[in-house]
Amino acid sequence: YGNYFYENENVLYKKTPTSILQYQNISLGKIKKIDIINPLKVLVFYENFNTAVLLDNQLNEIQKIDFSNPEIADGKSILATAIGLSGQNKMWIFNTNEQQISLYDFGTQKIKNIGIPLQQNFTYYQTDFNTFQWIDSQNNWFSCSIFGEISFNEKIDSFDEIQILENKNLLFTKENLLFYKNGSTNQLYEIETIEKSFKKFYYKDKILSIFTIKGI
């Protein structure tokens, strides 16, 4: 919607054409992840306090989820190390205690395990409304659907940073170079960048943004 979301000194900001909104929760420690896949429902994850906060489009709190509360998992212990918004008013969770992918229902405030426990820890994960994807410590790339169906995609090359795109395409950096891998043809392309060094990249809606020390 033409807005910018950014985090600075543990404060979440939303910059609109007319104003700057902010959200801060000092009591929950450091922000680990912010999910803006649905900008009308922003998800903020505080891993050190095992808590996620759901915000509206004005960055007001809608719901606070403390995963240490035994009532949400029928008495089981939840230690969340990965979260993300899912569809149908749900949220993805990875419970390290059971090595299990789960879905949390914002309406019922209950957690349900899906799929089978994972065999390897993951080094990267990415979520959307329908899929939880991860790359494990052996560089194996897997996907889990909202129905718990787990599929192996492929074993990928080593990388520094990565983003999974549609149709099994990949963007990744290695040794400060940016590459695009076509999932259909398996061809690898190096993307020319203006800057010799950059910190991050992000692809969305056919726009590739490269974040340097000086700007975007």
C-alpha atoms as a PDB file:
ATOM      1  CA  TYR A   1       0.000   0.000   0.000  1.00  0.00           C
ATOM      2  CA  GLY A   2       2.949   2.341  -0.509  1.00  0.00           C
ATOM      3  CA  ASN A   3       4.088   2.205   3.121  1.00  0.00           C
ATOM      4  CA  TYR A   4       7.525   1.440   4.535  1.00  0.00           C
ATOM      5  CA  PHE A   5       8.041  -0.842   7.521  1.00  0.00           C
ATOM      6  CA  TYR A   6      11.352  -0.774   9.327  1.00  0.00           C
ATOM      7  CA  GLU A   7      12.858  -1.548  12.726  1.00  0.00           C
ATOM      8  CA  ASN A   8      15.356   0.702  14.476  1.00  0.00           C
ATOM      9  CA  GLU A   9      16.696   0.244  18.008  1.00  0.00           C
ATOM     10  CA  ASN A  10      14.028  -2.365  18.735  1.00  0.00           C
ATOM     11  CA  VAL A  11      11.141  -0.115  17.671  1.00  0.00           C
ATOM     12  CA  LEU A  12       8.891  -1.067  14.742  1.00  0.00           C
ATOM     13  CA  TYR A  13       7.992   1.868  12.477  1.00  0.00           C
ATOM     14  CA  LYS A  14       5.407   2.198   9.735  1.00  0.00           C
ATOM     15  CA  LYS A  15       5.989   5.197   7.486  1.00  0.00           C
ATOM     16  CA  THR A  16       2.945   6.240   5.469  1.00  0.00           C
ATOM     17  CA  PRO A  17       2.710   9.164   3.007  1.00  0.00           C
ATOM     18  CA  THR A  18       1.244  11.321   5.806  1.00  0.00           C
ATOM     19  CA  SER A  19       2.539   9.987   9.135  1.00  0.00           C
ATOM     20  CA  ILE A  20       4.940   7.705  11.013  1.00  0.00           C
ATOM     21  CA  LEU A  21       3.465   5.095  13.375  1.00  0.00           C
ATOM     22  CA  GLN A  22       5.502   3.088  15.856  1.00  0.00           C
ATOM     23  CA  TYR A  23       5.255   0.087  18.162  1.00  0.00           C
ATOM     24  CA  GLN A  24       7.535  -0.806  21.036  1.00  0.00           C
ATOM     25  CA  ASN A  25       7.280  -3.348  23.836  1.00  0.00           C
ATOM     26  CA  ILE A  26      10.261  -2.995  26.159  1.00  0.00           C
ATOM     27  CA  SER A  27       9.046  -5.754  28.499  1.00  0.00           C
ATOM     28  CA  LEU A  28       9.416  -8.411  25.771  1.00  0.00           C
ATOM     29  CA  GLY A  29      13.054  -7.742  24.946  1.00  0.00           C
ATOM     30  CA  LYS A  30      14.559  -7.734  21.458  1.00  0.00           C
ATOM     31  CA  ILE A  31      12.506  -8.186  18.296  1.00  0.00           C
ATOM     32  CA  LYS A  32      13.548 -11.368  16.459  1.00  0.00           C
ATOM     33  CA  LYS A  33      11.249 -11.185  13.430  1.00  0.00           C
ATOM     34  CA  ILE A  34       8.572  -8.981  11.861  1.00  0.00           C
ATOM     35  CA  ASP A  35       6.118 -10.527   9.375  1.00  0.00           C
ATOM     36  CA  ILE A  36       4.293  -8.063   7.092  1.00  0.00           C
ATOM     37  CA  ILE A  37       2.951 -10.539   4.538  1.00  0.00           C
ATOM     38  CA  ASN A  38      -0.461  -9.130   5.519  1.00  0.00           C
ATOM     39  CA  PRO A  39       0.101  -5.398   6.248  1.00  0.00           C
ATOM     40  CA  LEU A  40      -3.324  -5.240   7.928  1.00  0.00           C
ATOM     41  CA  LYS A  41      -2.135  -7.830  10.479  1.00  0.00           C
ATOM     42  CA  VAL A  42       1.514  -7.365  11.393  1.00  0.00           C
ATOM     43  CA  LEU A  43       3.196 -10.109  13.416  1.00  0.00           C
ATOM     44  CA  VAL A  44       6.117  -9.333  15.751  1.00  0.00           C
ATOM     45  CA  PHE A  45       8.109 -12.154  17.357  1.00  0.00           C
ATOM     46  CA  TYR A  46      10.082 -11.839  20.599  1.00  0.00           C
ATOM     47  CA  GLU A  47      11.985 -15.130  20.785  1.00  0.00           C
ATOM     48  CA  ASN A  48      13.701 -14.505  24.138  1.00  0.00           C
ATOM     49  CA  PHE A  49      10.300 -14.206  25.825  1.00  0.00           C
ATOM     50  CA  ASN A  50       8.653 -16.943  23.725  1.00  0.00           C
ATOM     51  CA  THR A  51       5.956 -14.464  22.676  1.00  0.00           C
ATOM     52  CA  ALA A  52       4.366 -13.133  19.488  1.00  0.00           C
ATOM     53  CA  VAL A  53       2.263  -9.977  19.161  1.00  0.00           C
ATOM     54  CA  LEU A  54      -0.341  -9.365  16.461  1.00  0.00           C
ATOM     55  CA  LEU A  55      -0.858  -5.706  15.436  1.00  0.00           C
ATOM     56  CA  ASP A  56      -3.476  -3.945  13.329  1.00  0.00           C
ATOM     57  CA  ASN A  57      -2.685  -1.551  10.480  1.00  0.00           C
ATOM     58  CA  GLN A  58      -2.251   1.288  12.999  1.00  0.00           C
ATOM     59  CA  LEU A  59       0.277  -0.827  14.959  1.00  0.00           C
ATOM     60  CA  ASN A  60      -2.119  -1.288  17.872  1.00  0.00           C
ATOM     61  CA  GLU A  61      -1.999  -4.623  19.710  1.00  0.00           C
ATOM     62  CA  ILE A  62      -4.739  -7.052  18.693  1.00  0.00           C
ATOM     63  CA  GLN A  63      -3.463 -10.128  20.482  1.00  0.00           C
ATOM     64  CA  LYS A  64      -0.442 -11.233  22.502  1.00  0.00           C
ATOM     65  CA  ILE A  65       0.458 -14.926  22.382  1.00  0.00           C
ATOM     66  CA  ASP A  66       2.647 -16.312  25.160  1.00  0.00           C
ATOM     67  CA  PHE A  67       3.757 -19.751  23.967  1.00  0.00           C
ATOM     68  CA  SER A  68       4.806 -20.643  27.530  1.00  0.00           C
ATOM     69  CA  ASN A  69       1.111 -20.710  28.487  1.00  0.00           C
ATOM     70  CA  PRO A  70       0.277 -24.449  28.767  1.00  0.00           C
ATOM     71  CA  GLU A  71      -3.404 -23.840  27.944  1.00  0.00           C
ATOM     72  CA  ILE A  72      -2.734 -23.116  24.266  1.00  0.00           C
ATOM     73  CA  ALA A  73      -1.131 -26.530  23.681  1.00  0.00           C
ATOM     74  CA  ASP A  74      -3.151 -28.759  26.025  1.00  0.00           C
ATOM     75  CA  GLY A  75      -0.443 -28.802  28.670  1.00  0.00           C
ATOM     76  CA  LYS A  76       2.493 -29.377  26.309  1.00  0.00           C
ATOM     77  CA  SER A  77       5.627 -27.244  26.456  1.00  0.00           C
ATOM     78  CA  ILE A  78       6.098 -24.897  23.490  1.00  0.00           C
ATOM     79  CA  LEU A  79       9.422 -23.242  22.675  1.00  0.00           C
ATOM     80  CA  ALA A  80       8.908 -21.233  19.495  1.00  0.00           C
ATOM     81  CA  THR A  81      11.978 -20.505  17.381  1.00  0.00           C
ATOM     82  CA  ALA A  82      10.209 -19.713  14.097  1.00  0.00           C
ATOM     83  CA  ILE A  83       6.881 -18.044  13.358  1.00  0.00           C
ATOM     84  CA  GLY A  84       4.986 -16.586  10.398  1.00  0.00           C
ATOM     85  CA  LEU A  85       1.480 -15.657   9.346  1.00  0.00           C
ATOM     86  CA  SER A  86      -0.545 -18.381   7.677  1.00  0.00           C
ATOM     87  CA  GLY A  87      -3.955 -18.248   6.018  1.00  0.00           C
ATOM     88  CA  GLN A  88      -7.399 -18.767   7.596  1.00  0.00           C
ATOM     89  CA  ASN A  89      -6.574 -16.674  10.697  1.00  0.00           C
ATOM     90  CA  LYS A  90      -3.657 -18.909  11.682  1.00  0.00           C
ATOM     91  CA  MET A  91       0.059 -18.618  12.404  1.00  0.00           C
ATOM     92  CA  TRP A  92       2.957 -20.962  11.658  1.00  0.00           C
ATOM     93  CA  ILE A  93       5.088 -22.031  14.619  1.00  0.00           C
ATOM     94  CA  PHE A  94       8.128 -24.249  14.889  1.00  0.00           C
ATOM     95  CA  ASN A  95       8.281 -25.840  18.343  1.00  0.00           C
ATOM     96  CA  THR A  96      11.897 -26.717  19.105  1.00  0.00           C
ATOM     97  CA  ASN A  97      10.934 -28.868  22.088  1.00  0.00           C
ATOM     98  CA  GLU A  98       9.237 -31.387  19.788  1.00  0.00           C
ATOM     99  CA  GLN A  99      10.993 -30.465  16.495  1.00  0.00           C
ATOM    100  CA  GLN A 100       7.458 -29.961  15.210  1.00  0.00           C
ATOM    101  CA  ILE A 101       5.754 -27.547  12.802  1.00  0.00           C
ATOM    102  CA  SER A 102       2.427 -26.331  14.201  1.00  0.00           C
ATOM    103  CA  LEU A 103      -0.420 -23.965  13.396  1.00  0.00           C
ATOM    104  CA  TYR A 104      -1.823 -21.549  15.978  1.00  0.00           C
ATOM    105  CA  ASP A 105      -5.443 -20.464  15.547  1.00  0.00           C
ATOM    106  CA  PHE A 106      -5.966 -16.826  16.579  1.00  0.00           C
ATOM    107  CA  GLY A 107      -9.677 -17.489  17.113  1.00  0.00           C
ATOM    108  CA  THR A 108      -9.569 -20.605  19.292  1.00  0.00           C
ATOM    109  CA  GLN A 109      -6.150 -19.670  20.740  1.00  0.00           C
ATOM    110  CA  LYS A 110      -5.015 -23.277  20.361  1.00  0.00           C
ATOM    111  CA  ILE A 111      -2.006 -24.916  18.719  1.00  0.00           C
ATOM    112  CA  LYS A 112      -2.221 -27.982  16.481  1.00  0.00           C
ATOM    113  CA  ASN A 113       0.793 -30.008  15.314  1.00  0.00           C
ATOM    114  CA  ILE A 114       0.964 -30.839  11.610  1.00  0.00           C
ATOM    115  CA  GLY A 115       3.252 -33.131   9.673  1.00  0.00           C
ATOM    116  CA  ILE A 116       5.931 -35.232  11.372  1.00  0.00           C
ATOM    117  CA  PRO A 117       8.839 -34.122  13.619  1.00  0.00           C
ATOM    118  CA  LEU A 118      11.849 -32.843  11.668  1.00  0.00           C
ATOM    119  CA  GLN A 119      15.049 -34.900  11.607  1.00  0.00           C
ATOM    120  CA  GLN A 120      17.465 -32.001  11.104  1.00  0.00           C
ATOM    121  CA  ASN A 121      17.666 -28.456  12.451  1.00  0.00           C
ATOM    122  CA  PHE A 122      17.121 -25.777   9.829  1.00  0.00           C
ATOM    123  CA  THR A 123      19.436 -22.898   8.975  1.00  0.00           C
ATOM    124  CA  TYR A 124      16.805 -20.903   7.066  1.00  0.00           C
ATOM    125  CA  TYR A 125      13.025 -20.797   6.952  1.00  0.00           C
ATOM    126  CA  GLN A 126      10.405 -18.839   5.038  1.00  0.00           C
ATOM    127  CA  THR A 127       6.624 -18.785   5.301  1.00  0.00           C
ATOM    128  CA  ASP A 128       3.616 -17.639   3.317  1.00  0.00           C
ATOM    129  CA  PHE A 129      -0.115 -18.174   3.812  1.00  0.00           C
ATOM    130  CA  ASN A 130      -0.024 -21.767   2.524  1.00  0.00           C
ATOM    131  CA  THR A 131       3.516 -23.073   3.024  1.00  0.00           C
ATOM    132  CA  PHE A 132       6.300 -23.370   5.597  1.00  0.00           C
ATOM    133  CA  GLN A 133       9.622 -23.869   3.799  1.00  0.00           C
ATOM    134  CA  TRP A 134      13.031 -24.534   5.295  1.00  0.00           C
ATOM    135  CA  ILE A 135      16.598 -25.463   4.453  1.00  0.00           C
ATOM    136  CA  ASP A 136      18.230 -27.827   6.928  1.00  0.00           C
ATOM    137  CA  SER A 137      21.817 -28.049   8.130  1.00  0.00           C
ATOM    138  CA  GLN A 138      22.635 -30.374   5.202  1.00  0.00           C
ATOM    139  CA  ASN A 139      21.286 -27.821   2.673  1.00  0.00           C
ATOM    140  CA  ASN A 140      18.216 -29.948   1.934  1.00  0.00           C
ATOM    141  CA  TRP A 141      15.199 -27.814   0.995  1.00  0.00           C
ATOM    142  CA  PHE A 142      11.767 -28.933   2.224  1.00  0.00           C
ATOM    143  CA  SER A 143       8.190 -27.610   2.185  1.00  0.00           C
ATOM    144  CA  CYS A 144       5.214 -28.237   4.473  1.00  0.00           C
ATOM    145  CA  SER A 145       1.642 -27.411   3.453  1.00  0.00           C
ATOM    146  CA  ILE A 146      -1.112 -26.267   5.837  1.00  0.00           C
ATOM    147  CA  PHE A 147      -2.393 -29.876   5.673  1.00  0.00           C
ATOM    148  CA  GLY A 148       0.896 -31.218   7.028  1.00  0.00           C
ATOM    149  CA  GLU A 149       2.172 -32.638   3.736  1.00  0.00           C
ATOM    150  CA  ILE A 150       5.984 -32.458   3.782  1.00  0.00           C
ATOM    151  CA  SER A 151       7.877 -32.634   0.493  1.00  0.00           C
ATOM    152  CA  PHE A 152      11.573 -32.619  -0.396  1.00  0.00           C
ATOM    153  CA  ASN A 153      12.412 -30.073  -3.092  1.00  0.00           C
ATOM    154  CA  GLU A 154      16.134 -30.454  -3.719  1.00  0.00           C
ATOM    155  CA  LYS A 155      19.599 -30.212  -2.228  1.00  0.00           C
ATOM    156  CA  ILE A 156      20.913 -26.727  -2.887  1.00  0.00           C
ATOM    157  CA  ASP A 157      24.358 -25.147  -3.048  1.00  0.00           C
ATOM    158  CA  SER A 158      25.838 -23.303  -0.087  1.00  0.00           C
ATOM    159  CA  PHE A 159      24.805 -19.659   0.335  1.00  0.00           C
ATOM    160  CA  ASP A 160      25.203 -16.641   2.606  1.00  0.00           C
ATOM    161  CA  GLU A 161      21.661 -15.210   2.256  1.00  0.00           C
ATOM    162  CA  ILE A 162      18.723 -16.678   0.349  1.00  0.00           C
ATOM    163  CA  GLN A 163      15.118 -16.018  -0.651  1.00  0.00           C
ATOM    164  CA  ILE A 164      12.762 -18.657  -2.036  1.00  0.00           C
ATOM    165  CA  LEU A 165      10.611 -17.408  -4.918  1.00  0.00           C
ATOM    166  CA  GLU A 166       7.612 -18.854  -6.732  1.00  0.00           C
ATOM    167  CA  ASN A 167       7.955 -21.932  -8.967  1.00  0.00           C
ATOM    168  CA  LYS A 168      10.997 -23.133  -6.993  1.00  0.00           C
ATOM    169  CA  ASN A 169      13.171 -20.256  -8.177  1.00  0.00           C
ATOM    170  CA  LEU A 170      15.879 -18.975  -5.827  1.00  0.00           C
ATOM    171  CA  LEU A 171      17.732 -15.742  -5.158  1.00  0.00           C
ATOM    172  CA  PHE A 172      20.865 -16.055  -3.069  1.00  0.00           C
ATOM    173  CA  THR A 173      24.160 -14.405  -2.240  1.00  0.00           C
ATOM    174  CA  LYS A 174      27.545 -16.041  -1.962  1.00  0.00           C
ATOM    175  CA  GLU A 175      30.821 -14.213  -1.369  1.00  0.00           C
ATOM    176  CA  ASN A 176      29.098 -10.869  -1.954  1.00  0.00           C
ATOM    177  CA  LEU A 177      27.701 -11.865  -5.354  1.00  0.00           C
ATOM    178  CA  LEU A 178      23.979 -12.133  -6.093  1.00  0.00           C
ATOM    179  CA  PHE A 179      22.607 -15.087  -8.074  1.00  0.00           C
ATOM    180  CA  TYR A 180      19.265 -16.165  -9.527  1.00  0.00           C
ATOM    181  CA  LYS A 181      18.520 -19.856 -10.032  1.00  0.00           C
ATOM    182  CA  ASN A 182      15.728 -20.868 -12.390  1.00  0.00           C
ATOM    183  CA  GLY A 183      13.909 -23.822 -10.820  1.00  0.00           C
ATOM    184  CA  SER A 184      12.536 -25.062 -14.151  1.00  0.00           C
ATOM    185  CA  THR A 185      15.737 -25.066 -16.186  1.00  0.00           C
ATOM    186  CA  ASN A 186      18.181 -25.383 -13.258  1.00  0.00           C
ATOM    187  CA  GLN A 187      20.230 -22.572 -14.823  1.00  0.00           C
ATOM    188  CA  LEU A 188      22.185 -20.168 -12.626  1.00  0.00           C
ATOM    189  CA  TYR A 189      22.591 -16.468 -13.421  1.00  0.00           C
ATOM    190  CA  GLU A 190      24.744 -13.862 -11.735  1.00  0.00           C
ATOM    191  CA  ILE A 191      22.878 -10.582 -11.221  1.00  0.00           C
ATOM    192  CA  GLU A 192      24.936  -7.474 -11.827  1.00  0.00           C
ATOM    193  CA  THR A 193      24.781  -5.006  -8.958  1.00  0.00           C
ATOM    194  CA  ILE A 194      25.751  -1.344  -8.964  1.00  0.00           C
ATOM    195  CA  GLU A 195      27.193  -1.499  -5.475  1.00  0.00           C
ATOM    196  CA  LYS A 196      30.305  -3.526  -4.764  1.00  0.00           C
ATOM    197  CA  SER A 197      28.949  -4.449  -1.363  1.00  0.00           C
ATOM    198  CA  PHE A 198      25.436  -4.666   0.030  1.00  0.00           C
ATOM    199  CA  LYS A 199      23.806  -5.894   3.238  1.00  0.00           C
ATOM    200  CA  LYS A 200      20.490  -7.434   2.170  1.00  0.00           C
ATOM    201  CA  PHE A 201      18.170  -7.976  -0.776  1.00  0.00           C
ATOM    202  CA  TYR A 202      14.441  -8.605  -1.152  1.00  0.00           C
ATOM    203  CA  TYR A 203      12.240  -9.563  -4.110  1.00  0.00           C
ATOM    204  CA  LYS A 204       8.493  -8.867  -4.245  1.00  0.00           C
ATOM    205  CA  ASP A 205       6.005  -8.175  -7.055  1.00  0.00           C
ATOM    206  CA  LYS A 206       8.703  -8.227  -9.758  1.00  0.00           C
ATOM    207  CA  ILE A 207      10.845  -5.657  -7.917  1.00  0.00           C
ATOM    208  CA  LEU A 208      14.291  -6.557  -6.631  1.00  0.00           C
ATOM    209  CA  SER A 209      15.442  -4.225  -3.836  1.00  0.00           C
ATOM    210  CA  ILE A 210      19.080  -4.154  -2.759  1.00  0.00           C
ATOM    211  CA  PHE A 211      19.853  -2.652   0.635  1.00  0.00           C
ATOM    212  CA  THR A 212      23.254  -0.990   0.948  1.00  0.00           C
ATOM    213  CA  ILE A 213      24.803   0.866   3.848  1.00  0.00           C
ATOM    214  CA  LYS A 214      23.750   4.187   2.264  1.00  0.00           C
ATOM    215  CA  GLY A 215      20.244   3.342   1.073  1.00  0.00           C
ATOM    216  CA  ILE A 216      18.027   1.207  -1.161  1.00  0.00           C
END
